[in-house]
Amino acid sequence: MKRRSTAIATLSLLLAIGAVGFYIAAQSTVVADEAQEAEKSDEKPGLPEAPAWTLEDQDGKEHSLSDYRGKYVVLEWVNHGCPFVVKFYRPGQMQKWQEHYTDEGIVWMTICSSAPGKQGYNDAEGWRQVIEEKGVKSTATLIDADGTVGRAYEATHTPQFAIINPDGKLIYNGAIDSIRSTNSDDIEKADNYMTTVLDAALLKRTQAYGCTIKY
């Protein structure tokens, strides 16, 4: 009987020790999880990484976003059958912006994500004709006939713009300006989001004026 009591006492002690150990381990896990959550909450959200892409242009040349690392890249979704696109191309305004910003070293890619048989679609030969007829001044016109790149950038309208900084981060994605019309006369009246972002990117350091800082 004494041996049995001793065995029971020993077993109870071992179970108690095990329970304490389990509790300590569980508490350590909870503390670690809480620390990880706190660390995550302290992280500041940054700019999203621009989706990678590789497409061929009107001449069959392949372009990849990675080719232009270190430069600002503009993606302009286009459909020349769309009256909202015509609004900017008919007076030559889009072509002026293309020329101006590419001269400043910005890579400007016109992209067509229209599927074959749908409005806006052209094969390579068709795009060469369109580029010549309309005097397009972009770096290249990229053919995204299966819509892979358009969907990756959540492109839903034409014109739509995505702007990527030299680090490959997406700094703008959306409308060209503030007036949703097909009237070319509204171009000058609108707040142009696309040019505002690009002009800010190109802004050089200026000479400050005022009272000197008293270091």
C-alpha atoms as a PDB file:
ATOM      1  CA  MET A   1       0.000   0.000   0.000  1.00  0.00           C
ATOM      2  CA  LYS A   2       2.854   2.356   0.868  1.00  0.00           C
ATOM      3  CA  ARG A   3       4.519   1.707  -2.498  1.00  0.00           C
ATOM      4  CA  ARG A   4       1.251   2.417  -4.275  1.00  0.00           C
ATOM      5  CA  SER A   5       0.813   5.707  -2.427  1.00  0.00           C
ATOM      6  CA  THR A   6       4.387   6.677  -3.283  1.00  0.00           C
ATOM      7  CA  ALA A   7       3.800   5.876  -6.964  1.00  0.00           C
ATOM      8  CA  ILE A   8       0.611   7.915  -7.004  1.00  0.00           C
ATOM      9  CA  ALA A   9       2.380  10.826  -5.312  1.00  0.00           C
ATOM     10  CA  THR A  10       5.242  10.644  -7.812  1.00  0.00           C
ATOM     11  CA  LEU A  11       2.838  10.530 -10.750  1.00  0.00           C
ATOM     12  CA  SER A  12       0.909  13.511  -9.391  1.00  0.00           C
ATOM     13  CA  LEU A  13       4.146  15.447  -9.019  1.00  0.00           C
ATOM     14  CA  LEU A  14       5.186  14.674 -12.596  1.00  0.00           C
ATOM     15  CA  LEU A  15       1.782  15.722 -13.916  1.00  0.00           C
ATOM     16  CA  ALA A  16       1.983  18.959 -11.952  1.00  0.00           C
ATOM     17  CA  ILE A  17       5.454  19.698 -13.312  1.00  0.00           C
ATOM     18  CA  GLY A  18       4.239  18.938 -16.845  1.00  0.00           C
ATOM     19  CA  ALA A  19       1.256  21.230 -16.434  1.00  0.00           C
ATOM     20  CA  VAL A  20       3.472  24.077 -15.240  1.00  0.00           C
ATOM     21  CA  GLY A  21       5.809  23.503 -18.177  1.00  0.00           C
ATOM     22  CA  PHE A  22       2.925  23.498 -20.645  1.00  0.00           C
ATOM     23  CA  TYR A  23       1.554  26.708 -19.124  1.00  0.00           C
ATOM     24  CA  ILE A  24       4.945  28.437 -19.372  1.00  0.00           C
ATOM     25  CA  ALA A  25       5.378  27.307 -22.982  1.00  0.00           C
ATOM     26  CA  ALA A  26       1.859  28.467 -23.852  1.00  0.00           C
ATOM     27  CA  GLN A  27       2.444  31.843 -22.220  1.00  0.00           C
ATOM     28  CA  SER A  28       5.736  32.210 -24.123  1.00  0.00           C
ATOM     29  CA  THR A  29       3.898  31.543 -27.388  1.00  0.00           C
ATOM     30  CA  VAL A  30       1.240  34.133 -26.522  1.00  0.00           C
ATOM     31  CA  VAL A  31       3.899  36.728 -25.655  1.00  0.00           C
ATOM     32  CA  ALA A  32       5.792  35.982 -28.904  1.00  0.00           C
ATOM     33  CA  ASP A  33       2.593  36.266 -30.952  1.00  0.00           C
ATOM     34  CA  GLU A  34       1.683  39.544 -29.247  1.00  0.00           C
ATOM     35  CA  ALA A  35       5.184  40.884 -29.926  1.00  0.00           C
ATOM     36  CA  GLN A  36       4.881  39.962 -33.608  1.00  0.00           C
ATOM     37  CA  GLU A  37       1.492  41.660 -33.884  1.00  0.00           C
ATOM     38  CA  ALA A  38       2.850  44.782 -32.178  1.00  0.00           C
ATOM     39  CA  GLU A  39       5.800  44.794 -34.574  1.00  0.00           C
ATOM     40  CA  LYS A  40       3.440  44.515 -37.545  1.00  0.00           C
ATOM     41  CA  SER A  41       1.275  47.361 -36.279  1.00  0.00           C
ATOM     42  CA  ASP A  42       4.368  49.567 -36.040  1.00  0.00           C
ATOM     43  CA  GLU A  43       5.193  48.964 -39.718  1.00  0.00           C
ATOM     44  CA  LYS A  44       4.298  51.908 -41.907  1.00  0.00           C
ATOM     45  CA  PRO A  45       2.587  51.003 -45.182  1.00  0.00           C
ATOM     46  CA  GLY A  46       4.807  51.773 -48.141  1.00  0.00           C
ATOM     47  CA  LEU A  47       4.219  52.237 -51.848  1.00  0.00           C
ATOM     48  CA  PRO A  48       3.090  49.064 -53.626  1.00  0.00           C
ATOM     49  CA  GLU A  49       5.469  47.243 -55.926  1.00  0.00           C
ATOM     50  CA  ALA A  50       4.470  47.766 -59.552  1.00  0.00           C
ATOM     51  CA  PRO A  51       3.477  44.454 -61.181  1.00  0.00           C
ATOM     52  CA  ALA A  52       6.197  43.140 -63.476  1.00  0.00           C
ATOM     53  CA  TRP A  53       5.450  42.838 -67.174  1.00  0.00           C
ATOM     54  CA  THR A  54       7.000  41.889 -70.488  1.00  0.00           C
ATOM     55  CA  LEU A  55       5.280  42.868 -73.743  1.00  0.00           C
ATOM     56  CA  GLU A  56       6.140  43.314 -77.412  1.00  0.00           C
ATOM     57  CA  ASP A  57       5.788  46.652 -79.148  1.00  0.00           C
ATOM     58  CA  GLN A  58       4.578  47.568 -82.639  1.00  0.00           C
ATOM     59  CA  ASP A  59       7.914  46.462 -84.105  1.00  0.00           C
ATOM     60  CA  GLY A  60       8.036  43.134 -82.302  1.00  0.00           C
ATOM     61  CA  LYS A  61      10.639  44.374 -79.810  1.00  0.00           C
ATOM     62  CA  GLU A  62      10.266  43.001 -76.303  1.00  0.00           C
ATOM     63  CA  HIS A  63      10.101  45.398 -73.345  1.00  0.00           C
ATOM     64  CA  SER A  64      10.104  44.536 -69.636  1.00  0.00           C
ATOM     65  CA  LEU A  65       9.522  46.817 -66.683  1.00  0.00           C
ATOM     66  CA  SER A  66      12.839  45.613 -65.254  1.00  0.00           C
ATOM     67  CA  ASP A  67      14.601  47.085 -68.315  1.00  0.00           C
ATOM     68  CA  TYR A  68      13.758  50.558 -67.048  1.00  0.00           C
ATOM     69  CA  ARG A  69      14.748  50.236 -63.407  1.00  0.00           C
ATOM     70  CA  GLY A  70      16.134  53.600 -62.287  1.00  0.00           C
ATOM     71  CA  LYS A  71      13.726  55.617 -64.459  1.00  0.00           C
ATOM     72  CA  TYR A  72      10.196  56.895 -64.158  1.00  0.00           C
ATOM     73  CA  VAL A  73       7.830  54.862 -66.314  1.00  0.00           C
ATOM     74  CA  VAL A  74       4.404  55.982 -67.547  1.00  0.00           C
ATOM     75  CA  LEU A  75       1.824  53.442 -68.676  1.00  0.00           C
ATOM     76  CA  GLU A  76      -0.969  54.962 -70.784  1.00  0.00           C
ATOM     77  CA  TRP A  77      -3.901  52.698 -71.621  1.00  0.00           C
ATOM     78  CA  VAL A  78      -5.283  53.578 -75.032  1.00  0.00           C
ATOM     79  CA  ASN A  79      -8.135  52.758 -77.401  1.00  0.00           C
ATOM     80  CA  HIS A  80      -8.348  55.104 -80.367  1.00  0.00           C
ATOM     81  CA  GLY A  81     -11.993  54.213 -80.868  1.00  0.00           C
ATOM     82  CA  CYS A  82     -12.803  55.689 -77.447  1.00  0.00           C
ATOM     83  CA  PRO A  83     -14.060  59.312 -77.554  1.00  0.00           C
ATOM     84  CA  PHE A  84     -12.327  60.054 -74.241  1.00  0.00           C
ATOM     85  CA  VAL A  85      -9.007  59.130 -75.881  1.00  0.00           C
ATOM     86  CA  VAL A  86      -9.880  61.071 -79.034  1.00  0.00           C
ATOM     87  CA  LYS A  87     -10.415  64.123 -76.804  1.00  0.00           C
ATOM     88  CA  PHE A  88      -6.662  64.254 -76.087  1.00  0.00           C
ATOM     89  CA  TYR A  89      -5.253  62.968 -79.389  1.00  0.00           C
ATOM     90  CA  ARG A  90      -7.387  64.988 -81.813  1.00  0.00           C
ATOM     91  CA  PRO A  91      -5.863  68.371 -80.789  1.00  0.00           C
ATOM     92  CA  GLY A  92      -2.415  66.770 -80.404  1.00  0.00           C
ATOM     93  CA  GLN A  93      -2.222  67.353 -76.646  1.00  0.00           C
ATOM     94  CA  MET A  94      -1.359  63.782 -75.687  1.00  0.00           C
ATOM     95  CA  GLN A  95       1.390  63.737 -78.278  1.00  0.00           C
ATOM     96  CA  LYS A  96       2.818  66.974 -76.803  1.00  0.00           C
ATOM     97  CA  TRP A  97       2.935  65.450 -73.336  1.00  0.00           C
ATOM     98  CA  GLN A  98       4.541  62.301 -74.690  1.00  0.00           C
ATOM     99  CA  GLU A  99       7.247  64.293 -76.447  1.00  0.00           C
ATOM    100  CA  HIS A 100       7.859  66.602 -73.488  1.00  0.00           C
ATOM    101  CA  TYR A 101       8.228  63.901 -70.864  1.00  0.00           C
ATOM    102  CA  THR A 102      10.247  61.477 -72.970  1.00  0.00           C
ATOM    103  CA  ASP A 103      12.626  64.363 -73.745  1.00  0.00           C
ATOM    104  CA  GLU A 104      12.995  64.697 -69.952  1.00  0.00           C
ATOM    105  CA  GLY A 105      14.101  61.077 -69.717  1.00  0.00           C
ATOM    106  CA  ILE A 106      10.791  59.526 -68.692  1.00  0.00           C
ATOM    107  CA  VAL A 107       9.823  56.229 -70.327  1.00  0.00           C
ATOM    108  CA  TRP A 108       6.282  56.496 -71.727  1.00  0.00           C
ATOM    109  CA  MET A 109       4.608  53.270 -72.763  1.00  0.00           C
ATOM    110  CA  THR A 110       1.275  53.339 -74.552  1.00  0.00           C
ATOM    111  CA  ILE A 111      -0.560  50.068 -73.861  1.00  0.00           C
ATOM    112  CA  CYS A 112      -3.558  48.561 -75.620  1.00  0.00           C
ATOM    113  CA  SER A 113      -5.280  45.789 -73.671  1.00  0.00           C
ATOM    114  CA  SER A 114      -8.156  45.392 -76.139  1.00  0.00           C
ATOM    115  CA  ALA A 115      -8.744  41.780 -77.161  1.00  0.00           C
ATOM    116  CA  PRO A 116      -8.691  40.719 -80.849  1.00  0.00           C
ATOM    117  CA  GLY A 117     -11.980  41.643 -82.480  1.00  0.00           C
ATOM    118  CA  LYS A 118     -12.771  44.243 -79.806  1.00  0.00           C
ATOM    119  CA  GLN A 119     -12.736  48.033 -80.161  1.00  0.00           C
ATOM    120  CA  GLY A 120      -9.226  49.459 -80.073  1.00  0.00           C
ATOM    121  CA  TYR A 121      -7.377  46.291 -81.024  1.00  0.00           C
ATOM    122  CA  ASN A 122      -4.691  46.399 -83.705  1.00  0.00           C
ATOM    123  CA  ASP A 123      -2.011  43.958 -84.727  1.00  0.00           C
ATOM    124  CA  ALA A 124       1.580  45.146 -85.038  1.00  0.00           C
ATOM    125  CA  GLU A 125       1.116  46.450 -88.596  1.00  0.00           C
ATOM    126  CA  GLY A 126      -2.068  48.245 -87.602  1.00  0.00           C
ATOM    127  CA  TRP A 127      -0.297  49.949 -84.717  1.00  0.00           C
ATOM    128  CA  ARG A 128       2.521  51.128 -86.949  1.00  0.00           C
ATOM    129  CA  GLN A 129      -0.077  52.835 -89.151  1.00  0.00           C
ATOM    130  CA  VAL A 130      -1.891  54.386 -86.177  1.00  0.00           C
ATOM    131  CA  ILE A 131       1.372  55.687 -84.698  1.00  0.00           C
ATOM    132  CA  GLU A 132       2.290  57.350 -87.992  1.00  0.00           C
ATOM    133  CA  GLU A 133      -1.184  58.763 -88.669  1.00  0.00           C
ATOM    134  CA  LYS A 134      -1.620  60.245 -85.204  1.00  0.00           C
ATOM    135  CA  GLY A 135       1.969  61.299 -84.651  1.00  0.00           C
ATOM    136  CA  VAL A 136       2.297  59.302 -81.422  1.00  0.00           C
ATOM    137  CA  LYS A 137       5.461  60.269 -79.528  1.00  0.00           C
ATOM    138  CA  SER A 138       5.528  57.648 -76.771  1.00  0.00           C
ATOM    139  CA  THR A 139       8.577  55.443 -76.227  1.00  0.00           C
ATOM    140  CA  ALA A 140       6.671  52.463 -77.638  1.00  0.00           C
ATOM    141  CA  THR A 141       3.179  51.056 -78.070  1.00  0.00           C
ATOM    142  CA  LEU A 142       2.793  47.752 -76.233  1.00  0.00           C
ATOM    143  CA  ILE A 143       0.320  45.086 -77.312  1.00  0.00           C
ATOM    144  CA  ASP A 144      -1.429  43.416 -74.363  1.00  0.00           C
ATOM    145  CA  ALA A 145      -3.996  41.471 -76.384  1.00  0.00           C
ATOM    146  CA  ASP A 146      -4.744  38.924 -73.653  1.00  0.00           C
ATOM    147  CA  GLY A 147      -5.201  41.685 -71.068  1.00  0.00           C
ATOM    148  CA  THR A 148      -2.708  40.229 -68.592  1.00  0.00           C
ATOM    149  CA  VAL A 149      -0.963  43.520 -67.839  1.00  0.00           C
ATOM    150  CA  GLY A 150      -4.166  45.528 -67.879  1.00  0.00           C
ATOM    151  CA  ARG A 151      -5.716  43.257 -65.263  1.00  0.00           C
ATOM    152  CA  ALA A 152      -2.526  43.256 -63.157  1.00  0.00           C
ATOM    153  CA  TYR A 153      -2.765  47.050 -62.933  1.00  0.00           C
ATOM    154  CA  GLU A 154      -6.543  47.014 -62.528  1.00  0.00           C
ATOM    155  CA  ALA A 155      -6.862  49.124 -65.670  1.00  0.00           C
ATOM    156  CA  THR A 156     -10.560  49.638 -66.339  1.00  0.00           C
ATOM    157  CA  HIS A 157     -10.827  52.658 -68.652  1.00  0.00           C
ATOM    158  CA  THR A 158      -9.108  54.500 -71.471  1.00  0.00           C
ATOM    159  CA  PRO A 159      -7.300  56.708 -70.938  1.00  0.00           C
ATOM    160  CA  GLN A 160      -5.929  55.440 -67.629  1.00  0.00           C
ATOM    161  CA  PHE A 161      -2.447  56.105 -66.302  1.00  0.00           C
ATOM    162  CA  ALA A 162      -0.046  54.249 -64.035  1.00  0.00           C
ATOM    163  CA  ILE A 163       3.213  55.907 -63.006  1.00  0.00           C
ATOM    164  CA  ILE A 164       6.145  53.908 -61.627  1.00  0.00           C
ATOM    165  CA  ASN A 165       9.091  55.455 -59.840  1.00  0.00           C
ATOM    166  CA  PRO A 166      12.783  54.535 -60.340  1.00  0.00           C
ATOM    167  CA  ASP A 167      12.559  52.018 -57.468  1.00  0.00           C
ATOM    168  CA  GLY A 168       9.787  50.088 -59.209  1.00  0.00           C
ATOM    169  CA  LYS A 169       7.036  51.386 -56.926  1.00  0.00           C
ATOM    170  CA  LEU A 170       3.588  52.337 -58.188  1.00  0.00           C
ATOM    171  CA  ILE A 171       3.114  56.005 -57.270  1.00  0.00           C
ATOM    172  CA  TYR A 172      -0.039  56.728 -59.283  1.00  0.00           C
ATOM    173  CA  ASN A 173      -2.803  54.731 -60.940  1.00  0.00           C
ATOM    174  CA  GLY A 174      -5.996  56.340 -62.166  1.00  0.00           C
ATOM    175  CA  ALA A 175      -7.631  59.069 -64.215  1.00  0.00           C
ATOM    176  CA  ILE A 176      -5.744  61.548 -66.350  1.00  0.00           C
ATOM    177  CA  ASP A 177      -7.572  64.582 -64.964  1.00  0.00           C
ATOM    178  CA  SER A 178     -10.567  65.907 -63.049  1.00  0.00           C
ATOM    179  CA  ILE A 179     -13.073  66.530 -65.864  1.00  0.00           C
ATOM    180  CA  ARG A 180     -14.794  63.422 -67.195  1.00  0.00           C
ATOM    181  CA  SER A 181     -15.817  64.659 -70.602  1.00  0.00           C
ATOM    182  CA  THR A 182     -15.087  64.023 -74.276  1.00  0.00           C
ATOM    183  CA  ASN A 183     -14.715  67.742 -75.004  1.00  0.00           C
ATOM    184  CA  SER A 184     -11.180  68.813 -75.925  1.00  0.00           C
ATOM    185  CA  ASP A 185     -11.946  72.326 -74.646  1.00  0.00           C
ATOM    186  CA  ASP A 186     -12.009  70.904 -71.119  1.00  0.00           C
ATOM    187  CA  ILE A 187      -8.355  69.868 -71.198  1.00  0.00           C
ATOM    188  CA  GLU A 188      -7.104  73.292 -70.121  1.00  0.00           C
ATOM    189  CA  LYS A 189      -9.816  73.678 -67.477  1.00  0.00           C
ATOM    190  CA  ALA A 190      -9.103  70.384 -65.720  1.00  0.00           C
ATOM    191  CA  ASP A 191      -6.743  69.586 -62.883  1.00  0.00           C
ATOM    192  CA  ASN A 192      -4.380  67.170 -64.588  1.00  0.00           C
ATOM    193  CA  TYR A 193      -3.360  64.434 -62.169  1.00  0.00           C
ATOM    194  CA  MET A 194      -0.929  62.762 -64.536  1.00  0.00           C
ATOM    195  CA  THR A 195       1.145  65.865 -65.306  1.00  0.00           C
ATOM    196  CA  THR A 196       1.069  66.957 -61.653  1.00  0.00           C
ATOM    197  CA  VAL A 197       2.738  63.697 -60.577  1.00  0.00           C
ATOM    198  CA  LEU A 198       5.299  63.800 -63.389  1.00  0.00           C
ATOM    199  CA  ASP A 199       6.143  67.476 -62.872  1.00  0.00           C
ATOM    200  CA  ALA A 200       6.687  66.829 -59.164  1.00  0.00           C
ATOM    201  CA  ALA A 201       8.988  63.924 -60.059  1.00  0.00           C
ATOM    202  CA  LEU A 202      11.023  66.144 -62.385  1.00  0.00           C
ATOM    203  CA  LEU A 203      11.205  69.109 -59.997  1.00  0.00           C
ATOM    204  CA  LYS A 204      14.829  69.989 -59.291  1.00  0.00           C
ATOM    205  CA  ARG A 205      16.070  71.315 -55.946  1.00  0.00           C
ATOM    206  CA  THR A 206      15.555  75.070 -55.851  1.00  0.00           C
ATOM    207  CA  GLN A 207      17.358  77.843 -53.974  1.00  0.00           C
ATOM    208  CA  ALA A 208      15.465  78.576 -50.793  1.00  0.00           C
ATOM    209  CA  TYR A 209      14.869  82.157 -49.649  1.00  0.00           C
ATOM    210  CA  GLY A 210      13.808  83.811 -46.401  1.00  0.00           C
ATOM    211  CA  CYS A 211      15.479  84.077 -43.006  1.00  0.00           C
ATOM    212  CA  THR A 212      18.529  81.912 -42.584  1.00  0.00           C
ATOM    213  CA  ILE A 213      18.358  79.014 -40.123  1.00  0.00           C
ATOM    214  CA  LYS A 214      20.335  79.915 -37.032  1.00  0.00           C
ATOM    215  CA  TYR A 215      22.536  76.852 -36.643  1.00  0.00           C
END
